[in-house]
């Protein structure tokens, strides 16, 4: 498997604020630091 220093990008469309906050805290964990989380509340803003 190829290893790279560039972060992976994950886009999530979630209109529930509490779910979005939970996802932010989940991806703030050190073992997931190689991912960059992008949260959108509506599909149109994606």
C-alpha atoms as a PDB file:
ATOM      1  CA  UNK A   1       0.000   0.000   0.000  1.00  0.00           C
ATOM      2  CA  UNK A   2       1.349   3.410  -0.967  1.00  0.00           C
ATOM      3  CA  UNK A   3       2.044   5.849   1.851  1.00  0.00           C
ATOM      4  CA  UNK A   4       1.887   9.586   1.384  1.00  0.00           C
ATOM      5  CA  UNK A   5       2.161  12.675   3.554  1.00  0.00           C
ATOM      6  CA  UNK A   6      -0.798  14.397   1.933  1.00  0.00           C
ATOM      7  CA  UNK A   7      -4.034  14.234   3.910  1.00  0.00           C
ATOM      8  CA  UNK A   8      -7.057  12.388   2.644  1.00  0.00           C
ATOM      9  CA  UNK A   9     -10.208  14.440   2.229  1.00  0.00           C
ATOM     10  CA  UNK A  10     -13.617  13.343   3.500  1.00  0.00           C
ATOM     11  CA  UNK A  11     -16.744  15.329   2.646  1.00  0.00           C
ATOM     12  CA  UNK A  12     -19.906  14.817   4.689  1.00  0.00           C
ATOM     13  CA  UNK A  13     -23.281  16.436   4.106  1.00  0.00           C
ATOM     14  CA  UNK A  14     -24.995  16.535   7.506  1.00  0.00           C
ATOM     15  CA  UNK A  15     -27.735  18.962   8.498  1.00  0.00           C
ATOM     16  CA  UNK A  16     -27.799  17.941  12.177  1.00  0.00           C
ATOM     17  CA  UNK A  17     -25.468  20.203  14.150  1.00  0.00           C
ATOM     18  CA  UNK A  18     -24.911  17.678  16.939  1.00  0.00           C
ATOM     19  CA  UNK A  19     -23.905  14.966  14.470  1.00  0.00           C
ATOM     20  CA  UNK A  20     -21.521  17.376  12.755  1.00  0.00           C
ATOM     21  CA  UNK A  21     -19.906  18.284  16.089  1.00  0.00           C
ATOM     22  CA  UNK A  22     -19.535  14.592  16.916  1.00  0.00           C
ATOM     23  CA  UNK A  23     -17.834  13.929  13.581  1.00  0.00           C
ATOM     24  CA  UNK A  24     -15.472  16.862  14.151  1.00  0.00           C
ATOM     25  CA  UNK A  25     -14.459  15.436  17.532  1.00  0.00           C
ATOM     26  CA  UNK A  26     -14.040  11.956  16.056  1.00  0.00           C
ATOM     27  CA  UNK A  27     -11.725  13.187  13.298  1.00  0.00           C
ATOM     28  CA  UNK A  28      -9.756  15.321  15.784  1.00  0.00           C
ATOM     29  CA  UNK A  29      -8.300  12.097  17.216  1.00  0.00           C
ATOM     30  CA  UNK A  30      -4.549  11.729  16.547  1.00  0.00           C
ATOM     31  CA  UNK A  31      -4.921   8.417  14.716  1.00  0.00           C
ATOM     32  CA  UNK A  32      -7.208  10.115  12.161  1.00  0.00           C
ATOM     33  CA  UNK A  33      -5.053  13.218  11.719  1.00  0.00           C
ATOM     34  CA  UNK A  34      -4.130  12.205   8.162  1.00  0.00           C
ATOM     35  CA  UNK A  35      -7.730  12.890   7.078  1.00  0.00           C
ATOM     36  CA  UNK A  36      -9.218  16.329   6.454  1.00  0.00           C
ATOM     37  CA  UNK A  37     -12.932  16.530   7.219  1.00  0.00           C
ATOM     38  CA  UNK A  38     -15.171  18.881   5.240  1.00  0.00           C
ATOM     39  CA  UNK A  39     -18.681  19.312   6.642  1.00  0.00           C
ATOM     40  CA  UNK A  40     -21.569  20.762   4.667  1.00  0.00           C
ATOM     41  CA  UNK A  41     -25.088  21.364   5.937  1.00  0.00           C
ATOM     42  CA  UNK A  42     -26.737  21.309   2.500  1.00  0.00           C
ATOM     43  CA  UNK A  43     -25.994  19.560  -0.760  1.00  0.00           C
ATOM     44  CA  UNK A  44     -26.065  22.887  -2.608  1.00  0.00           C
ATOM     45  CA  UNK A  45     -23.115  24.187  -0.556  1.00  0.00           C
ATOM     46  CA  UNK A  46     -21.142  21.036  -1.392  1.00  0.00           C
END
